[in-house]
Amino acid sequence: MKELDTAGVALPFECFYAAKVADIDHVEKSLHDAFADNRVRPRREFFRIAPERVQSALQLAALEDA
């Protein structure tokens, strides 16, 4: 979250869900692929999507909730 806070996020945000995963790079790429049609703009890491949908997908890869 500290990294996001300096990444040019224009609006305040909160953490909806967090989990520990074995391979963060693989999980991040998979989430980007799965939700690509929900991107606010191409090549940006901002999505317009219900957080519950992302949580459900992330839980498939989670080793444990954080």
N, C-alpha and C. Protein backbone atom coordinates (compact mmCIF):
# COMPACT_ATOMS: atom_id res chain seq x y z
N MET A 1 0.83 -1.18 0.00
CA MET A 1 0.00 0.00 0.00
C MET A 1 0.87 1.25 0.00
N LYS A 2 2.04 1.18 0.65
CA LYS A 2 2.94 2.33 0.63
C LYS A 2 3.38 2.63 -0.79
N GLU A 3 3.63 1.59 -1.57
CA GLU A 3 4.05 1.76 -2.96
C GLU A 3 2.95 2.41 -3.78
N LEU A 4 1.71 2.01 -3.57
CA LEU A 4 0.59 2.61 -4.29
C LEU A 4 0.40 4.07 -3.93
N ASP A 5 0.66 4.41 -2.70
CA ASP A 5 0.46 5.78 -2.23
C ASP A 5 1.36 6.77 -2.96
N THR A 6 2.46 6.29 -3.53
CA THR A 6 3.37 7.17 -4.25
C THR A 6 3.31 6.94 -5.76
N ALA A 7 2.37 6.12 -6.23
CA ALA A 7 2.29 5.76 -7.64
C ALA A 7 1.36 6.67 -8.44
N GLY A 8 1.05 7.82 -7.91
CA GLY A 8 0.21 8.74 -8.64
C GLY A 8 -1.28 8.45 -8.53
N VAL A 9 -1.69 7.76 -7.48
CA VAL A 9 -3.10 7.50 -7.25
C VAL A 9 -3.73 8.81 -6.82
N ALA A 10 -4.66 9.30 -7.62
CA ALA A 10 -5.22 10.63 -7.38
C ALA A 10 -6.21 10.69 -6.22
N LEU A 11 -6.84 9.57 -5.93
CA LEU A 11 -7.88 9.56 -4.90
C LEU A 11 -7.47 8.70 -3.72
N PRO A 12 -8.02 8.99 -2.55
CA PRO A 12 -7.75 8.12 -1.40
C PRO A 12 -8.26 6.71 -1.70
N PHE A 13 -7.64 5.72 -1.08
CA PHE A 13 -8.07 4.35 -1.28
C PHE A 13 -7.93 3.59 0.02
N GLU A 14 -8.55 2.43 0.09
CA GLU A 14 -8.42 1.58 1.25
C GLU A 14 -8.20 0.15 0.78
N CYS A 15 -7.59 -0.65 1.62
CA CYS A 15 -7.36 -2.05 1.30
C CYS A 15 -8.64 -2.82 1.60
N PHE A 16 -9.20 -3.47 0.59
CA PHE A 16 -10.42 -4.26 0.75
C PHE A 16 -10.09 -5.67 1.21
N TYR A 17 -8.99 -6.23 0.68
CA TYR A 17 -8.60 -7.60 0.99
C TYR A 17 -7.11 -7.75 0.71
N ALA A 18 -6.43 -8.55 1.50
CA ALA A 18 -5.02 -8.83 1.27
C ALA A 18 -4.76 -10.30 1.56
N ALA A 19 -3.82 -10.87 0.81
CA ALA A 19 -3.48 -12.28 0.99
C ALA A 19 -2.02 -12.49 0.65
N LYS A 20 -1.42 -13.51 1.23
CA LYS A 20 -0.07 -13.92 0.87
C LYS A 20 -0.19 -14.96 -0.24
N VAL A 21 0.63 -14.83 -1.27
CA VAL A 21 0.64 -15.77 -2.39
C VAL A 21 2.06 -16.25 -2.63
N ALA A 22 2.20 -17.38 -3.32
CA ALA A 22 3.52 -17.96 -3.55
C ALA A 22 4.30 -17.20 -4.62
N ASP A 23 3.63 -16.77 -5.68
CA ASP A 23 4.31 -16.13 -6.81
C ASP A 23 3.56 -14.87 -7.20
N ILE A 24 3.93 -13.75 -6.59
CA ILE A 24 3.20 -12.49 -6.79
C ILE A 24 3.18 -12.06 -8.25
N ASP A 25 4.29 -12.25 -8.96
CA ASP A 25 4.33 -11.83 -10.37
C ASP A 25 3.32 -12.60 -11.20
N HIS A 26 3.23 -13.90 -10.97
CA HIS A 26 2.26 -14.73 -11.71
C HIS A 26 0.82 -14.34 -11.35
N VAL A 27 0.56 -14.14 -10.07
CA VAL A 27 -0.80 -13.79 -9.63
C VAL A 27 -1.19 -12.42 -10.18
N GLU A 28 -0.28 -11.45 -10.13
CA GLU A 28 -0.59 -10.12 -10.64
C GLU A 28 -0.90 -10.18 -12.14
N LYS A 29 -0.07 -10.89 -12.91
CA LYS A 29 -0.32 -11.01 -14.35
C LYS A 29 -1.65 -11.70 -14.62
N SER A 30 -1.95 -12.74 -13.85
CA SER A 30 -3.22 -13.46 -14.03
C SER A 30 -4.42 -12.57 -13.74
N LEU A 31 -4.33 -11.76 -12.68
CA LEU A 31 -5.43 -10.84 -12.37
C LEU A 31 -5.58 -9.79 -13.46
N HIS A 32 -4.46 -9.28 -13.97
CA HIS A 32 -4.52 -8.30 -15.06
C HIS A 32 -5.15 -8.91 -16.30
N ASP A 33 -4.79 -10.14 -16.61
CA ASP A 33 -5.38 -10.83 -17.77
C ASP A 33 -6.88 -11.06 -17.55
N ALA A 34 -7.24 -11.52 -16.37
CA ALA A 34 -8.64 -11.85 -16.08
C ALA A 34 -9.55 -10.63 -16.12
N PHE A 35 -9.02 -9.49 -15.69
CA PHE A 35 -9.86 -8.29 -15.58
C PHE A 35 -9.48 -7.19 -16.57
N ALA A 36 -8.79 -7.56 -17.64
CA ALA A 36 -8.33 -6.58 -18.63
C ALA A 36 -9.46 -5.72 -19.19
N ASP A 37 -10.63 -6.31 -19.35
CA ASP A 37 -11.77 -5.55 -19.91
C ASP A 37 -12.34 -4.54 -18.91
N ASN A 38 -11.82 -4.54 -17.68
CA ASN A 38 -12.27 -3.59 -16.66
C ASN A 38 -11.26 -2.48 -16.41
N ARG A 39 -10.22 -2.40 -17.22
CA ARG A 39 -9.23 -1.34 -17.06
C ARG A 39 -9.85 0.02 -17.33
N VAL A 40 -9.46 1.00 -16.53
CA VAL A 40 -9.92 2.37 -16.74
C VAL A 40 -9.30 2.92 -18.02
N ARG A 41 -7.98 2.65 -18.21
CA ARG A 41 -7.27 3.04 -19.42
C ARG A 41 -6.26 1.94 -19.74
N PRO A 42 -6.00 1.72 -21.02
CA PRO A 42 -4.99 0.70 -21.38
C PRO A 42 -3.64 1.02 -20.75
N ARG A 43 -2.93 0.00 -20.37
CA ARG A 43 -1.58 0.09 -19.81
C ARG A 43 -1.51 0.84 -18.49
N ARG A 44 -2.62 0.99 -17.81
CA ARG A 44 -2.63 1.57 -16.47
C ARG A 44 -3.13 0.50 -15.50
N GLU A 45 -2.70 0.55 -14.28
CA GLU A 45 -3.08 -0.47 -13.32
C GLU A 45 -4.29 -0.03 -12.47
N PHE A 46 -5.25 0.57 -13.12
CA PHE A 46 -6.48 0.97 -12.45
C PHE A 46 -7.64 0.28 -13.13
N PHE A 47 -8.53 -0.30 -12.31
CA PHE A 47 -9.64 -1.08 -12.82
C PHE A 47 -10.94 -0.58 -12.21
N ARG A 48 -12.01 -0.63 -12.98
CA ARG A 48 -13.34 -0.31 -12.47
C ARG A 48 -14.06 -1.64 -12.32
N ILE A 49 -14.07 -2.16 -11.08
CA ILE A 49 -14.61 -3.50 -10.84
C ILE A 49 -14.99 -3.62 -9.37
N ALA A 50 -15.99 -4.43 -9.09
CA ALA A 50 -16.39 -4.65 -7.71
C ALA A 50 -15.27 -5.39 -6.97
N PRO A 51 -14.87 -4.90 -5.82
CA PRO A 51 -13.76 -5.53 -5.10
C PRO A 51 -14.04 -6.98 -4.73
N GLU A 52 -15.28 -7.34 -4.56
CA GLU A 52 -15.63 -8.72 -4.23
C GLU A 52 -15.23 -9.69 -5.34
N ARG A 53 -15.30 -9.24 -6.60
CA ARG A 53 -14.89 -10.09 -7.73
C ARG A 53 -13.39 -10.34 -7.69
N VAL A 54 -12.62 -9.31 -7.40
CA VAL A 54 -11.17 -9.46 -7.32
C VAL A 54 -10.80 -10.33 -6.13
N GLN A 55 -11.48 -10.13 -5.02
CA GLN A 55 -11.22 -10.95 -3.83
C GLN A 55 -11.46 -12.42 -4.15
N SER A 56 -12.54 -12.74 -4.80
CA SER A 56 -12.83 -14.14 -5.14
C SER A 56 -11.73 -14.74 -6.01
N ALA A 57 -11.26 -13.98 -6.98
CA ALA A 57 -10.19 -14.48 -7.84
C ALA A 57 -8.89 -14.64 -7.06
N LEU A 58 -8.58 -13.67 -6.22
CA LEU A 58 -7.35 -13.71 -5.45
C LEU A 58 -7.35 -14.86 -4.45
N GLN A 59 -8.49 -15.19 -3.90
CA GLN A 59 -8.57 -16.28 -2.94
C GLN A 59 -8.20 -17.63 -3.56
N LEU A 60 -8.32 -17.76 -4.86
CA LEU A 60 -7.94 -19.00 -5.53
C LEU A 60 -6.42 -19.22 -5.45
N ALA A 61 -5.66 -18.15 -5.36
CA ALA A 61 -4.20 -18.25 -5.32
C ALA A 61 -3.63 -18.04 -3.91
N ALA A 62 -4.46 -17.67 -2.98
CA ALA A 62 -3.99 -17.29 -1.65
C ALA A 62 -3.44 -18.47 -0.86
N LEU A 63 -2.32 -18.26 -0.21
CA LEU A 63 -1.79 -19.23 0.75
C LEU A 63 -2.44 -19.01 2.11
N GLU A 64 -2.68 -17.72 2.41
CA GLU A 64 -3.37 -17.35 3.64
C GLU A 64 -3.83 -15.90 3.53
N ASP A 65 -4.91 -15.58 4.22
CA ASP A 65 -5.36 -14.19 4.28
C ASP A 65 -4.33 -13.40 5.07
N ALA A 66 -4.18 -12.15 4.70
CA ALA A 66 -3.21 -11.29 5.40
C ALA A 66 -3.93 -10.22 6.19
